[in-house]
Every structure is written in structure tokens, then in C-alpha cells.
Amino acid sequence: MRAEISFGKSLIGILFVGLAAASCTTTSKPAATAANTKTKQGQAAKVTFNYTAKDRECLQRAMYFESQHSDEDGYMAVGTVVMNRLTSGAYPPSICGVVAQKRQFAPGVMTREVKPQAETELATAADAILIKGARHPAVRDAMFFHTDGLKFPYDNMHYVTVAGGNAFYEKRDANGTLETPPPLPSYEVAMNYVPGESMLPPQFEALIPSAVPVPLPAPDPMATASTGQMRIVAPVTSPETSVEPEPGMPIAIPIPRPAYDSVMLGESLPANGG
């Protein structure tokens, strides 16, 4: 009997030790799973926006003319507003589209001359925003500003900072909720440079003729009889038809659109309309 009791105690002890070991093994798994989940969240995909050399110039123009040619602090504040608008989804989907939008930024922002002495500092600020993802920390979610010192009787203007001679504000209701779509934080944004592309909004494209008359070349006096009988045939537009121009008939050829710098805005924009 004692042997049976002893054996029973030994068996219970073995089972207890096994369960304890199993419980230790199972408790470590949730911690590993949580760590993996946190890693996956930290590697979330960014929202990518394309920009061109012209977009970079548009950003610099907005920073320069809207900050009253001030300094890097003023440049970064205006540049942050441009990026906030771009990433909010409530404004045009390109930097030039945001800056050139009617009745939003300073008049002549797309055409006036930028002083050469400001170009180095402007380029540094633009690269910080586009390449490094920098933002003015005090601007936060602001997408609006006006000249500092002005007063308006609106209750939804939530001011966040003053920089470059401008007062920056968010539009919030009485409960403090943004009245506009919130912009993406910089760490969720990836800017992709696209060389040689135009992101100019359609309303600023120039209307030019798609074809110009070009005279046919004079016959070659050294041509042989066989080549003298050849006729110039226009490009075939369909398998069934072909067009043969008469001698001296002009040929239509496409020409590229002019550079963006030659495009002039059709109407002026009010000052300090950020």
C-alpha cells in the first residue's frame, strides 16, 4: 500500500512539473507575437507623391513671395502649408497645382522674379521639405495664413504660430475638431522625384496650333527617272485609305508645347490669400 501511495505521489509530481513547464512555454509566445506586430506596424507603407523640377520651383516661389522674402523660418512655414494642402486630399494633387490654384496665393507667384541672392536659401529649404521630409514644427496641421496683425471676426480660426510676417491657423469648430481633411504627417509621406515630367495643372496649359505648314522640298535635279516618278504619300491613318497630297500642299507636323516659363496666368490672384 505504501509503495502504491508513493508511486501515486511520484506520478502526480511528474504531471505537475510537466504542466508547469508547458505553462512557461506558452506564456512567452504572446510577447513574441506582440513584438512582431509592433515591427510590422512600424514598417507601414508610405503614401507616395511625385514631384518634378518645376514642382520644386513652384514650392520655392510660394515660400519666397508669401513669406515676404524673409528667412528660412518663414520659408519653412509657408512650405509646410503647401505640403499640408498637397497631402490633405482637398487640394490639387501636385505642388504646382496647389501653388497656382486661383485666389489662394499671392498675385504673380508663378511669374514674378525671384531675386538671385535668395535662391541658395530657398533651395536649402525646398530640399529639406522634399528630400528630408522636414516641416515647420509649429505650423502643425495649418493650411491657412494671412499677414500678421490683421483681425477677422471668425470663430473657427485656431492660430498656431507666426513666422515670416504671417499668422498661421487651422480651421476648427467649437469642439476643437478640424473642419478640413487632416494632412498626412511627414513620416507617412514619401516624395518621389520624376525627371522630365510636367505636373502643370490643365488650366495653365497654353493653346498652340498642333500643326504648321511646311513646304515640300524642290525636286532633285540629279534624280533618275525611277526616283523622279516617286510621289510623297502622307502617313496612312487606316488600312483602307491613304492620302496623297498634291505638289506644294502643306504637310501637318506636331510640335512640342513650349516651356512652362512661357505660360502666363490668365488672371491675377489676391494678395495674402493663403
C-alpha atoms as a PDB file:
ATOM      1  CA  MET A   1       0.000   0.000   0.000  1.00  0.00           C
ATOM      2  CA  ARG A   2       2.782   2.437   0.911  1.00  0.00           C
ATOM      3  CA  ALA A   3       4.511   1.609  -2.358  1.00  0.00           C
ATOM      4  CA  GLU A   4       1.316   2.385  -4.272  1.00  0.00           C
ATOM      5  CA  ILE A   5       0.853   5.702  -2.409  1.00  0.00           C
ATOM      6  CA  SER A   6       4.477   6.620  -3.058  1.00  0.00           C
ATOM      7  CA  PHE A   7       4.106   5.764  -6.715  1.00  0.00           C
ATOM      8  CA  GLY A   8       0.956   7.859  -6.892  1.00  0.00           C
ATOM      9  CA  LYS A   9       2.684  10.852  -5.348  1.00  0.00           C
ATOM     10  CA  SER A  10       5.573  10.471  -7.766  1.00  0.00           C
ATOM     11  CA  LEU A  11       3.184  10.356 -10.719  1.00  0.00           C
ATOM     12  CA  ILE A  12       1.359  13.483  -9.522  1.00  0.00           C
ATOM     13  CA  GLY A  13       4.684  15.271  -9.101  1.00  0.00           C
ATOM     14  CA  ILE A  14       5.725  14.385 -12.645  1.00  0.00           C
ATOM     15  CA  LEU A  15       2.421  15.677 -14.023  1.00  0.00           C
ATOM     16  CA  PHE A  16       2.728  18.911 -12.023  1.00  0.00           C
ATOM     17  CA  VAL A  17       6.255  19.559 -13.298  1.00  0.00           C
ATOM     18  CA  GLY A  18       5.117  18.882 -16.887  1.00  0.00           C
ATOM     19  CA  LEU A  19       2.228  21.294 -16.616  1.00  0.00           C
ATOM     20  CA  ALA A  20       4.461  23.975 -15.111  1.00  0.00           C
ATOM     21  CA  ALA A  21       6.947  23.581 -17.947  1.00  0.00           C
ATOM     22  CA  ALA A  22       4.152  23.750 -20.505  1.00  0.00           C
ATOM     23  CA  SER A  23       2.743  26.892 -18.926  1.00  0.00           C
ATOM     24  CA  CYS A  24       6.161  28.577 -19.067  1.00  0.00           C
ATOM     25  CA  THR A  25       6.410  27.746 -22.753  1.00  0.00           C
ATOM     26  CA  THR A  26       3.007  29.176 -23.592  1.00  0.00           C
ATOM     27  CA  THR A  27       3.492  32.453 -21.717  1.00  0.00           C
ATOM     28  CA  SER A  28       6.469  33.502 -23.836  1.00  0.00           C
ATOM     29  CA  LYS A  29       4.601  33.305 -27.175  1.00  0.00           C
ATOM     30  CA  PRO A  30       2.283  36.307 -26.753  1.00  0.00           C
ATOM     31  CA  ALA A  31       5.284  38.561 -26.059  1.00  0.00           C
ATOM     32  CA  ALA A  32       6.951  37.452 -29.288  1.00  0.00           C
ATOM     33  CA  THR A  33       3.716  37.967 -31.222  1.00  0.00           C
ATOM     34  CA  ALA A  34       3.326  41.483 -29.831  1.00  0.00           C
ATOM     35  CA  ALA A  35       6.891  42.311 -30.809  1.00  0.00           C
ATOM     36  CA  ASN A  36       6.278  41.081 -34.344  1.00  0.00           C
ATOM     37  CA  THR A  37       3.068  43.094 -34.589  1.00  0.00           C
ATOM     38  CA  LYS A  38       4.842  46.238 -33.440  1.00  0.00           C
ATOM     39  CA  THR A  39       7.570  45.714 -36.027  1.00  0.00           C
ATOM     40  CA  LYS A  40       5.017  45.326 -38.812  1.00  0.00           C
ATOM     41  CA  GLN A  41       3.213  48.493 -37.744  1.00  0.00           C
ATOM     42  CA  GLY A  42       6.488  50.415 -37.780  1.00  0.00           C
ATOM     43  CA  GLN A  43       7.101  49.301 -41.371  1.00  0.00           C
ATOM     44  CA  ALA A  44       3.771  50.572 -42.760  1.00  0.00           C
ATOM     45  CA  ALA A  45       3.905  51.702 -46.394  1.00  0.00           C
ATOM     46  CA  LYS A  46       4.133  55.447 -47.026  1.00  0.00           C
ATOM     47  CA  VAL A  47       1.905  57.443 -49.329  1.00  0.00           C
ATOM     48  CA  THR A  48       3.993  58.471 -52.336  1.00  0.00           C
ATOM     49  CA  PHE A  49       3.645  61.778 -54.173  1.00  0.00           C
ATOM     50  CA  ASN A  50       5.526  62.547 -57.386  1.00  0.00           C
ATOM     51  CA  TYR A  51       7.236  65.880 -57.929  1.00  0.00           C
ATOM     52  CA  THR A  52       9.307  67.412 -60.713  1.00  0.00           C
ATOM     53  CA  ALA A  53      11.889  70.161 -61.027  1.00  0.00           C
ATOM     54  CA  LYS A  54       9.028  72.511 -61.869  1.00  0.00           C
ATOM     55  CA  ASP A  55       7.178  71.474 -58.682  1.00  0.00           C
ATOM     56  CA  ARG A  56      10.311  72.262 -56.702  1.00  0.00           C
ATOM     57  CA  GLU A  57      10.413  75.701 -58.320  1.00  0.00           C
ATOM     58  CA  CYS A  58       6.722  76.258 -57.522  1.00  0.00           C
ATOM     59  CA  LEU A  59       7.383  75.403 -53.880  1.00  0.00           C
ATOM     60  CA  GLN A  60      10.278  77.868 -53.746  1.00  0.00           C
ATOM     61  CA  ARG A  61       8.139  80.580 -55.337  1.00  0.00           C
ATOM     62  CA  ALA A  62       5.392  80.133 -52.769  1.00  0.00           C
ATOM     63  CA  MET A  63       7.885  80.244 -49.912  1.00  0.00           C
ATOM     64  CA  TYR A  64       9.596  83.346 -51.296  1.00  0.00           C
ATOM     65  CA  PHE A  65       6.645  85.561 -52.194  1.00  0.00           C
ATOM     66  CA  GLU A  66       4.323  84.533 -49.362  1.00  0.00           C
ATOM     67  CA  SER A  67       6.910  84.930 -46.610  1.00  0.00           C
ATOM     68  CA  GLN A  68       7.753  88.483 -47.753  1.00  0.00           C
ATOM     69  CA  HIS A  69      11.275  87.387 -48.726  1.00  0.00           C
ATOM     70  CA  SER A  70      12.004  86.776 -45.056  1.00  0.00           C
ATOM     71  CA  ASP A  71      14.208  83.916 -43.853  1.00  0.00           C
ATOM     72  CA  GLU A  72      14.388  80.134 -43.531  1.00  0.00           C
ATOM     73  CA  ASP A  73      11.841  80.090 -40.699  1.00  0.00           C
ATOM     74  CA  GLY A  74       9.298  81.913 -42.854  1.00  0.00           C
ATOM     75  CA  TYR A  75      10.131  79.767 -45.880  1.00  0.00           C
ATOM     76  CA  MET A  76       9.613  76.536 -43.955  1.00  0.00           C
ATOM     77  CA  ALA A  77       6.294  77.732 -42.517  1.00  0.00           C
ATOM     78  CA  VAL A  78       4.815  78.508 -45.935  1.00  0.00           C
ATOM     79  CA  GLY A  79       6.330  75.346 -47.407  1.00  0.00           C
ATOM     80  CA  THR A  80       4.659  73.296 -44.684  1.00  0.00           C
ATOM     81  CA  VAL A  81       1.277  74.791 -45.586  1.00  0.00           C
ATOM     82  CA  VAL A  82       1.843  73.806 -49.230  1.00  0.00           C
ATOM     83  CA  MET A  83       2.680  70.228 -48.202  1.00  0.00           C
ATOM     84  CA  ASN A  84      -0.265  70.092 -45.790  1.00  0.00           C
ATOM     85  CA  ARG A  85      -2.588  71.046 -48.616  1.00  0.00           C
ATOM     86  CA  LEU A  86      -0.988  68.557 -51.001  1.00  0.00           C
ATOM     87  CA  THR A  87      -1.336  65.617 -48.603  1.00  0.00           C
ATOM     88  CA  SER A  88      -4.814  66.510 -47.294  1.00  0.00           C
ATOM     89  CA  GLY A  89      -6.553  65.375 -50.472  1.00  0.00           C
ATOM     90  CA  ALA A  90      -8.704  68.519 -50.506  1.00  0.00           C
ATOM     91  CA  TYR A  91      -6.474  70.428 -52.929  1.00  0.00           C
ATOM     92  CA  PRO A  92      -4.817  69.757 -56.322  1.00  0.00           C
ATOM     93  CA  PRO A  93      -2.640  66.607 -56.404  1.00  0.00           C
ATOM     94  CA  SER A  94       0.622  68.346 -57.330  1.00  0.00           C
ATOM     95  CA  ILE A  95       2.737  71.091 -55.771  1.00  0.00           C
ATOM     96  CA  CYS A  96       2.383  73.379 -58.791  1.00  0.00           C
ATOM     97  CA  GLY A  97      -1.352  72.722 -58.760  1.00  0.00           C
ATOM     98  CA  VAL A  98      -1.555  73.803 -55.115  1.00  0.00           C
ATOM     99  CA  VAL A  99       0.575  76.921 -55.578  1.00  0.00           C
ATOM    100  CA  ALA A 100      -1.074  78.011 -58.847  1.00  0.00           C
ATOM    101  CA  GLN A 101      -4.631  77.462 -57.609  1.00  0.00           C
ATOM    102  CA  LYS A 102      -6.760  80.531 -58.255  1.00  0.00           C
ATOM    103  CA  ARG A 103      -7.304  83.046 -55.465  1.00  0.00           C
ATOM    104  CA  GLN A 104      -5.182  81.153 -52.949  1.00  0.00           C
ATOM    105  CA  PHE A 105      -1.631  82.507 -53.024  1.00  0.00           C
ATOM    106  CA  ALA A 106      -0.008  85.863 -53.734  1.00  0.00           C
ATOM    107  CA  PRO A 107      -0.620  87.500 -57.139  1.00  0.00           C
ATOM    108  CA  GLY A 108       2.126  86.804 -59.634  1.00  0.00           C
ATOM    109  CA  VAL A 109       3.523  83.948 -57.553  1.00  0.00           C
ATOM    110  CA  MET A 110       4.099  81.938 -60.743  1.00  0.00           C
ATOM    111  CA  THR A 111       5.562  84.730 -62.876  1.00  0.00           C
ATOM    112  CA  ARG A 112       7.371  87.335 -60.787  1.00  0.00           C
ATOM    113  CA  GLU A 113      11.150  87.383 -60.481  1.00  0.00           C
ATOM    114  CA  VAL A 114      12.897  85.678 -57.586  1.00  0.00           C
ATOM    115  CA  LYS A 115      15.981  87.639 -56.523  1.00  0.00           C
ATOM    116  CA  PRO A 116      19.183  85.638 -57.150  1.00  0.00           C
ATOM    117  CA  GLN A 117      20.510  86.274 -53.630  1.00  0.00           C
ATOM    118  CA  ALA A 118      17.590  84.293 -52.147  1.00  0.00           C
ATOM    119  CA  GLU A 119      17.955  81.213 -54.366  1.00  0.00           C
ATOM    120  CA  THR A 120      20.512  79.380 -52.187  1.00  0.00           C
ATOM    121  CA  GLU A 121      18.452  79.606 -49.008  1.00  0.00           C
ATOM    122  CA  LEU A 122      15.263  78.759 -50.914  1.00  0.00           C
ATOM    123  CA  ALA A 123      16.881  75.677 -52.442  1.00  0.00           C
ATOM    124  CA  THR A 124      18.032  74.511 -49.000  1.00  0.00           C
ATOM    125  CA  ALA A 125      14.528  74.896 -47.555  1.00  0.00           C
ATOM    126  CA  ALA A 126      12.881  73.164 -50.532  1.00  0.00           C
ATOM    127  CA  ASP A 127      15.279  70.205 -50.366  1.00  0.00           C
ATOM    128  CA  ALA A 128      14.715  69.890 -46.626  1.00  0.00           C
ATOM    129  CA  ILE A 129      10.962  69.566 -47.251  1.00  0.00           C
ATOM    130  CA  LEU A 130      11.056  67.346 -50.332  1.00  0.00           C
ATOM    131  CA  ILE A 131      14.069  65.133 -49.638  1.00  0.00           C
ATOM    132  CA  LYS A 132      14.347  65.041 -45.838  1.00  0.00           C
ATOM    133  CA  GLY A 133      10.631  65.342 -45.048  1.00  0.00           C
ATOM    134  CA  ALA A 134      11.200  68.388 -42.830  1.00  0.00           C
ATOM    135  CA  ARG A 135       8.295  70.548 -41.662  1.00  0.00           C
ATOM    136  CA  HIS A 136       7.950  73.675 -39.538  1.00  0.00           C
ATOM    137  CA  PRO A 137       7.051  72.106 -36.153  1.00  0.00           C
ATOM    138  CA  ALA A 138       4.835  74.987 -35.003  1.00  0.00           C
ATOM    139  CA  VAL A 139       2.655  75.034 -38.140  1.00  0.00           C
ATOM    140  CA  ARG A 140       1.244  71.571 -37.355  1.00  0.00           C
ATOM    141  CA  ASP A 141      -1.960  70.957 -39.411  1.00  0.00           C
ATOM    142  CA  ALA A 142      -2.418  74.575 -40.542  1.00  0.00           C
ATOM    143  CA  MET A 143      -3.404  75.084 -44.169  1.00  0.00           C
ATOM    144  CA  PHE A 144      -4.187  78.803 -43.931  1.00  0.00           C
ATOM    145  CA  PHE A 145      -2.393  82.043 -43.082  1.00  0.00           C
ATOM    146  CA  HIS A 146      -2.654  85.783 -43.508  1.00  0.00           C
ATOM    147  CA  THR A 147      -0.474  88.816 -42.853  1.00  0.00           C
ATOM    148  CA  ASP A 148       0.264  89.089 -39.160  1.00  0.00           C
ATOM    149  CA  GLY A 149      -1.638  91.845 -37.394  1.00  0.00           C
ATOM    150  CA  LEU A 150      -4.875  91.519 -39.316  1.00  0.00           C
ATOM    151  CA  LYS A 151      -8.053  90.655 -37.397  1.00  0.00           C
ATOM    152  CA  PHE A 152     -11.072  88.690 -38.621  1.00  0.00           C
ATOM    153  CA  PRO A 153     -14.445  88.078 -36.903  1.00  0.00           C
ATOM    154  CA  TYR A 154     -14.477  84.307 -37.423  1.00  0.00           C
ATOM    155  CA  ASP A 155     -14.614  81.820 -34.556  1.00  0.00           C
ATOM    156  CA  ASN A 156     -13.028  78.887 -36.390  1.00  0.00           C
ATOM    157  CA  MET A 157      -9.561  80.421 -36.881  1.00  0.00           C
ATOM    158  CA  HIS A 158      -7.331  78.494 -34.472  1.00  0.00           C
ATOM    159  CA  TYR A 159      -3.921  80.234 -34.579  1.00  0.00           C
ATOM    160  CA  VAL A 160      -0.820  78.105 -34.110  1.00  0.00           C
ATOM    161  CA  THR A 161       2.211  80.314 -34.868  1.00  0.00           C
ATOM    162  CA  VAL A 162       3.608  83.444 -36.504  1.00  0.00           C
ATOM    163  CA  ALA A 163       6.529  83.206 -38.948  1.00  0.00           C
ATOM    164  CA  GLY A 164       7.817  85.218 -41.881  1.00  0.00           C
ATOM    165  CA  GLY A 165       5.341  88.019 -41.230  1.00  0.00           C
ATOM    166  CA  ASN A 166       2.343  85.650 -41.426  1.00  0.00           C
ATOM    167  CA  ALA A 167      -0.083  84.284 -38.843  1.00  0.00           C
ATOM    168  CA  PHE A 168      -0.836  80.601 -39.458  1.00  0.00           C
ATOM    169  CA  TYR A 169      -4.081  78.979 -38.380  1.00  0.00           C
ATOM    170  CA  GLU A 170      -6.160  75.813 -38.534  1.00  0.00           C
ATOM    171  CA  LYS A 171      -9.907  75.842 -39.109  1.00  0.00           C
ATOM    172  CA  ARG A 172     -11.526  74.137 -36.105  1.00  0.00           C
ATOM    173  CA  ASP A 173     -15.089  74.052 -34.801  1.00  0.00           C
ATOM    174  CA  ALA A 174     -16.255  74.856 -31.267  1.00  0.00           C
ATOM    175  CA  ASN A 175     -15.240  71.362 -30.107  1.00  0.00           C
ATOM    176  CA  GLY A 176     -11.705  71.742 -31.451  1.00  0.00           C
ATOM    177  CA  THR A 177     -12.239  69.353 -34.382  1.00  0.00           C
ATOM    178  CA  LEU A 178     -10.578  70.139 -37.711  1.00  0.00           C
ATOM    179  CA  GLU A 179     -13.057  71.394 -40.295  1.00  0.00           C
ATOM    180  CA  THR A 180     -10.748  70.337 -43.136  1.00  0.00           C
ATOM    181  CA  PRO A 181      -9.346  66.920 -44.077  1.00  0.00           C
ATOM    182  CA  PRO A 182      -6.224  66.452 -41.924  1.00  0.00           C
ATOM    183  CA  PRO A 183      -2.894  66.417 -43.765  1.00  0.00           C
ATOM    184  CA  LEU A 184      -0.632  63.398 -43.557  1.00  0.00           C
ATOM    185  CA  PRO A 185       2.259  63.593 -41.083  1.00  0.00           C
ATOM    186  CA  SER A 186       5.627  63.829 -42.787  1.00  0.00           C
ATOM    187  CA  TYR A 187       6.680  60.336 -41.678  1.00  0.00           C
ATOM    188  CA  GLU A 188       3.801  58.870 -43.696  1.00  0.00           C
ATOM    189  CA  VAL A 189       4.774  60.756 -46.867  1.00  0.00           C
ATOM    190  CA  ALA A 190       7.350  59.760 -49.491  1.00  0.00           C
ATOM    191  CA  MET A 191       8.267  62.274 -52.205  1.00  0.00           C
ATOM    192  CA  ASN A 192       9.346  60.674 -55.481  1.00  0.00           C
ATOM    193  CA  TYR A 193      11.326  62.826 -57.931  1.00  0.00           C
ATOM    194  CA  VAL A 194      10.244  62.364 -61.557  1.00  0.00           C
ATOM    195  CA  PRO A 195      12.696  63.971 -64.024  1.00  0.00           C
ATOM    196  CA  GLY A 196      11.483  65.393 -67.277  1.00  0.00           C
ATOM    197  CA  GLU A 197       7.787  65.313 -66.428  1.00  0.00           C
ATOM    198  CA  SER A 198       5.289  68.176 -66.288  1.00  0.00           C
ATOM    199  CA  MET A 199       2.860  68.299 -63.365  1.00  0.00           C
ATOM    200  CA  LEU A 200       1.314  71.603 -64.505  1.00  0.00           C
ATOM    201  CA  PRO A 201      -2.457  71.711 -63.960  1.00  0.00           C
ATOM    202  CA  PRO A 202      -4.530  71.693 -67.161  1.00  0.00           C
ATOM    203  CA  GLN A 203      -5.928  75.203 -66.692  1.00  0.00           C
ATOM    204  CA  PHE A 204      -2.444  76.645 -67.220  1.00  0.00           C
ATOM    205  CA  GLU A 205      -1.588  74.822 -70.446  1.00  0.00           C
ATOM    206  CA  ALA A 206      -1.073  77.072 -73.468  1.00  0.00           C
ATOM    207  CA  LEU A 207      -3.238  76.551 -76.542  1.00  0.00           C
ATOM    208  CA  ILE A 208      -0.994  76.353 -79.606  1.00  0.00           C
ATOM    209  CA  PRO A 209      -1.525  75.055 -83.145  1.00  0.00           C
ATOM    210  CA  SER A 210      -0.905  71.328 -83.434  1.00  0.00           C
ATOM    211  CA  ALA A 211       0.417  71.705 -86.982  1.00  0.00           C
ATOM    212  CA  VAL A 212       2.261  74.249 -89.134  1.00  0.00           C
ATOM    213  CA  PRO A 213       2.541  74.371 -92.944  1.00  0.00           C
ATOM    214  CA  VAL A 214       5.850  73.074 -94.243  1.00  0.00           C
ATOM    215  CA  PRO A 215       6.634  73.361 -97.981  1.00  0.00           C
ATOM    216  CA  LEU A 216       7.697  70.257 -99.842  1.00  0.00           C
ATOM    217  CA  PRO A 217      11.361  70.152-100.914  1.00  0.00           C
ATOM    218  CA  ALA A 218      12.199  71.058-104.503  1.00  0.00           C
ATOM    219  CA  PRO A 219      12.860  68.152-106.912  1.00  0.00           C
ATOM    220  CA  ASP A 220      16.442  66.909-107.009  1.00  0.00           C
ATOM    221  CA  PRO A 221      17.884  67.737-110.454  1.00  0.00           C
ATOM    222  CA  MET A 222      20.178  64.710-110.181  1.00  0.00           C
ATOM    223  CA  ALA A 223      17.295  62.284-109.645  1.00  0.00           C
ATOM    224  CA  THR A 224      16.977  59.349-112.019  1.00  0.00           C
ATOM    225  CA  ALA A 225      13.870  58.542-113.987  1.00  0.00           C
ATOM    226  CA  SER A 226      12.749  55.960-111.445  1.00  0.00           C
ATOM    227  CA  THR A 227      13.091  58.271-108.459  1.00  0.00           C
ATOM    228  CA  GLY A 228      11.568  61.129-110.423  1.00  0.00           C
ATOM    229  CA  GLN A 229       8.352  59.145-110.686  1.00  0.00           C
ATOM    230  CA  MET A 230       8.098  58.650-106.894  1.00  0.00           C
ATOM    231  CA  ARG A 231       5.356  60.522-105.035  1.00  0.00           C
ATOM    232  CA  ILE A 232       5.293  61.569-101.384  1.00  0.00           C
ATOM    233  CA  VAL A 233       2.440  59.866 -99.561  1.00  0.00           C
ATOM    234  CA  ALA A 234       1.066  61.125 -96.245  1.00  0.00           C
ATOM    235  CA  PRO A 235       1.054  58.707 -93.282  1.00  0.00           C
ATOM    236  CA  VAL A 236      -1.660  56.066 -93.556  1.00  0.00           C
ATOM    237  CA  THR A 237      -4.405  56.662 -90.999  1.00  0.00           C
ATOM    238  CA  SER A 238      -6.236  53.406 -91.608  1.00  0.00           C
ATOM    239  CA  PRO A 239      -5.558  50.153 -93.518  1.00  0.00           C
ATOM    240  CA  GLU A 240      -8.170  51.033 -96.169  1.00  0.00           C
ATOM    241  CA  THR A 241      -7.247  54.617 -97.038  1.00  0.00           C
ATOM    242  CA  SER A 242      -4.193  56.661 -97.918  1.00  0.00           C
ATOM    243  CA  VAL A 243      -3.866  60.332 -98.775  1.00  0.00           C
ATOM    244  CA  GLU A 244      -1.585  61.634-101.475  1.00  0.00           C
ATOM    245  CA  PRO A 245      -1.007  65.403-101.200  1.00  0.00           C
ATOM    246  CA  GLU A 246      -0.803  67.450-104.341  1.00  0.00           C
ATOM    247  CA  PRO A 247       2.507  69.177-105.167  1.00  0.00           C
ATOM    248  CA  GLY A 248       3.029  72.169-102.914  1.00  0.00           C
ATOM    249  CA  MET A 249       0.406  71.029-100.417  1.00  0.00           C
ATOM    250  CA  PRO A 250       1.482  71.813 -96.787  1.00  0.00           C
ATOM    251  CA  ILE A 251       2.242  68.884 -94.501  1.00  0.00           C
ATOM    252  CA  ALA A 252       0.978  68.959 -90.899  1.00  0.00           C
ATOM    253  CA  ILE A 253       3.593  68.011 -88.299  1.00  0.00           C
ATOM    254  CA  PRO A 254       3.223  68.177 -84.489  1.00  0.00           C
ATOM    255  CA  ILE A 255       5.464  70.472 -82.459  1.00  0.00           C
ATOM    256  CA  PRO A 256       6.160  70.225 -78.728  1.00  0.00           C
ATOM    257  CA  ARG A 257       4.459  72.510 -76.252  1.00  0.00           C
ATOM    258  CA  PRO A 258       6.552  75.497 -75.051  1.00  0.00           C
ATOM    259  CA  ALA A 259       8.407  75.505 -71.749  1.00  0.00           C
ATOM    260  CA  TYR A 260       6.385  76.243 -68.626  1.00  0.00           C
ATOM    261  CA  ASP A 261       8.184  79.565 -68.101  1.00  0.00           C
ATOM    262  CA  SER A 262       6.428  80.972 -71.186  1.00  0.00           C
ATOM    263  CA  VAL A 263       2.961  80.323 -69.757  1.00  0.00           C
ATOM    264  CA  MET A 264       1.303  83.408 -68.245  1.00  0.00           C
ATOM    265  CA  LEU A 265      -1.559  83.294 -65.807  1.00  0.00           C
ATOM    266  CA  GLY A 266      -4.861  84.453 -67.247  1.00  0.00           C
ATOM    267  CA  GLU A 267      -5.943  86.367 -64.169  1.00  0.00           C
ATOM    268  CA  SER A 268      -4.330  87.793 -61.053  1.00  0.00           C
ATOM    269  CA  LEU A 269      -4.670  86.381 -57.581  1.00  0.00           C
ATOM    270  CA  PRO A 270      -5.443  88.437 -54.469  1.00  0.00           C
ATOM    271  CA  ALA A 271      -2.572  89.143 -52.098  1.00  0.00           C
ATOM    272  CA  ASN A 272      -2.101  87.181 -48.889  1.00  0.00           C
ATOM    273  CA  GLY A 273      -4.767  84.678 -49.835  1.00  0.00           C
ATOM    274  CA  GLY A 274      -3.063  81.730 -48.128  1.00  0.00           C
END
